[in-house]
N, C-alpha and C. Protein backbone atom coordinates (compact mmCIF):
# COMPACT_ATOMS: atom_id res chain seq x y z
N MET A 1 86.37 109.87 62.09
CA MET A 1 85.93 110.37 60.81
C MET A 1 84.77 111.34 61.05
N ALA A 2 84.89 112.54 60.58
CA ALA A 2 83.90 113.59 60.80
C ALA A 2 82.64 113.37 59.96
N TYR A 3 81.53 113.86 60.48
CA TYR A 3 80.28 113.85 59.72
C TYR A 3 80.40 114.79 58.53
N VAL A 4 79.60 114.55 57.51
CA VAL A 4 79.58 115.41 56.32
C VAL A 4 78.12 115.78 56.02
N ILE A 5 77.96 116.88 55.32
CA ILE A 5 76.64 117.35 54.93
C ILE A 5 76.51 117.23 53.42
N SER A 6 75.46 116.57 52.95
CA SER A 6 75.26 116.33 51.53
C SER A 6 74.57 117.51 50.85
N ASN A 7 74.41 117.40 49.55
CA ASN A 7 73.71 118.42 48.76
C ASN A 7 72.22 118.48 49.08
N ASP A 8 71.72 117.56 49.89
CA ASP A 8 70.31 117.59 50.30
C ASP A 8 70.05 118.67 51.34
N CYS A 9 71.11 119.29 51.85
CA CYS A 9 70.98 120.34 52.86
C CYS A 9 70.17 121.52 52.29
N VAL A 10 69.21 122.00 53.10
CA VAL A 10 68.40 123.16 52.70
C VAL A 10 68.75 124.39 53.53
N ALA A 11 69.85 124.34 54.27
CA ALA A 11 70.35 125.46 55.07
C ALA A 11 69.30 125.99 56.05
N CYS A 12 68.62 125.07 56.74
CA CYS A 12 67.57 125.48 57.68
C CYS A 12 68.13 125.98 59.01
N GLY A 13 69.38 125.60 59.34
CA GLY A 13 70.01 126.08 60.56
C GLY A 13 69.83 125.21 61.78
N THR A 14 69.05 124.17 61.69
CA THR A 14 68.79 123.31 62.85
C THR A 14 70.08 122.72 63.42
N CYS A 15 70.96 122.28 62.58
CA CYS A 15 72.18 121.61 63.03
C CYS A 15 73.15 122.55 63.75
N ILE A 16 73.21 123.80 63.32
CA ILE A 16 74.15 124.75 63.90
C ILE A 16 73.90 124.93 65.39
N ASP A 17 72.66 125.08 65.76
CA ASP A 17 72.32 125.28 67.16
C ASP A 17 72.59 124.04 68.01
N GLU A 18 72.61 122.87 67.40
CA GLU A 18 72.80 121.62 68.14
C GLU A 18 74.25 121.20 68.29
N CYS A 19 75.14 121.68 67.43
CA CYS A 19 76.54 121.26 67.49
C CYS A 19 77.21 121.80 68.75
N PRO A 20 77.67 120.91 69.65
CA PRO A 20 78.24 121.36 70.91
C PRO A 20 79.62 122.01 70.78
N VAL A 21 80.29 121.82 69.64
CA VAL A 21 81.63 122.39 69.48
C VAL A 21 81.71 123.46 68.40
N GLY A 22 80.59 123.80 67.79
CA GLY A 22 80.56 124.85 66.77
C GLY A 22 81.30 124.51 65.50
N ALA A 23 81.24 123.24 65.09
CA ALA A 23 81.98 122.79 63.92
C ALA A 23 81.26 123.02 62.59
N ILE A 24 80.03 123.53 62.63
CA ILE A 24 79.24 123.69 61.42
C ILE A 24 79.23 125.15 60.99
N SER A 25 79.48 125.37 59.68
CA SER A 25 79.50 126.71 59.10
C SER A 25 78.33 126.90 58.17
N GLU A 26 77.79 128.11 58.16
CA GLU A 26 76.67 128.44 57.28
C GLU A 26 77.13 128.63 55.85
N GLY A 27 76.19 128.48 54.93
CA GLY A 27 76.42 128.69 53.51
C GLY A 27 75.19 128.23 52.76
N ASP A 28 75.25 128.22 51.43
CA ASP A 28 74.13 127.69 50.64
C ASP A 28 73.86 126.25 51.07
N ILE A 29 74.94 125.53 51.24
CA ILE A 29 74.92 124.20 51.85
C ILE A 29 75.88 124.29 53.02
N TYR A 30 75.43 123.93 54.19
CA TYR A 30 76.28 124.03 55.36
C TYR A 30 77.44 123.06 55.26
N SER A 31 78.50 123.31 56.02
CA SER A 31 79.65 122.40 56.01
C SER A 31 80.13 122.15 57.43
N ILE A 32 80.80 121.03 57.62
CA ILE A 32 81.31 120.64 58.93
C ILE A 32 82.83 120.64 58.87
N ASN A 33 83.45 121.35 59.79
CA ASN A 33 84.91 121.37 59.89
C ASN A 33 85.37 120.05 60.48
N ALA A 34 86.05 119.25 59.67
CA ALA A 34 86.47 117.91 60.09
C ALA A 34 87.44 117.94 61.27
N ASP A 35 88.21 119.01 61.39
CA ASP A 35 89.16 119.11 62.50
C ASP A 35 88.47 119.40 63.83
N GLU A 36 87.28 119.98 63.78
CA GLU A 36 86.56 120.33 65.00
C GLU A 36 85.47 119.32 65.37
N CYS A 37 84.98 118.56 64.40
CA CYS A 37 83.89 117.60 64.63
C CYS A 37 84.34 116.52 65.60
N THR A 38 83.51 116.28 66.62
CA THR A 38 83.82 115.23 67.61
C THR A 38 83.05 113.95 67.35
N GLU A 39 82.34 113.90 66.23
CA GLU A 39 81.59 112.71 65.81
C GLU A 39 80.51 112.32 66.81
N CYS A 40 79.90 113.31 67.48
CA CYS A 40 78.87 113.00 68.47
C CYS A 40 77.55 112.59 67.82
N GLY A 41 77.31 113.05 66.58
CA GLY A 41 76.10 112.67 65.86
C GLY A 41 74.87 113.51 66.16
N THR A 42 75.01 114.50 67.01
CA THR A 42 73.86 115.32 67.36
C THR A 42 73.29 116.03 66.14
N CYS A 43 74.14 116.53 65.30
CA CYS A 43 73.68 117.24 64.10
C CYS A 43 72.86 116.32 63.20
N ALA A 44 73.35 115.11 63.01
CA ALA A 44 72.65 114.15 62.15
C ALA A 44 71.29 113.78 62.72
N SER A 45 71.21 113.70 64.03
CA SER A 45 69.95 113.28 64.65
C SER A 45 68.85 114.34 64.56
N VAL A 46 69.22 115.61 64.35
CA VAL A 46 68.21 116.67 64.28
C VAL A 46 67.95 117.17 62.86
N CYS A 47 68.72 116.73 61.89
CA CYS A 47 68.56 117.22 60.51
C CYS A 47 67.25 116.73 59.90
N PRO A 48 66.33 117.66 59.55
CA PRO A 48 65.04 117.24 58.99
C PRO A 48 65.15 116.67 57.57
N GLN A 49 66.25 116.94 56.89
CA GLN A 49 66.45 116.44 55.53
C GLN A 49 67.27 115.15 55.50
N GLU A 50 67.76 114.72 56.66
CA GLU A 50 68.65 113.57 56.74
C GLU A 50 69.85 113.77 55.81
N ALA A 51 70.38 115.00 55.81
CA ALA A 51 71.47 115.37 54.92
C ALA A 51 72.85 115.23 55.58
N ILE A 52 72.88 114.79 56.83
CA ILE A 52 74.15 114.68 57.55
C ILE A 52 74.41 113.22 57.90
N SER A 53 75.63 112.76 57.57
CA SER A 53 75.97 111.36 57.83
C SER A 53 77.48 111.21 57.91
N LEU A 54 77.89 110.04 58.36
CA LEU A 54 79.32 109.72 58.30
C LEU A 54 79.64 109.34 56.87
N PRO A 55 80.83 109.69 56.39
CA PRO A 55 81.18 109.33 55.01
C PRO A 55 81.31 107.82 54.86
N GLU A 56 81.00 107.34 53.68
CA GLU A 56 81.07 105.90 53.42
C GLU A 56 82.45 105.48 53.03
């Protein structure tokens, strides 16, 4: 199950540089391509807003 980015995202860009497979796309709120996400959790661990998590 791929990580998701919530509406708490402030588009700071921190997660994009950390994703080892380039699964994150820029926008007003960033998004994660579920087909490319390897569920490594690196993006979630660096997000200053805690806006990235596994879906419930």
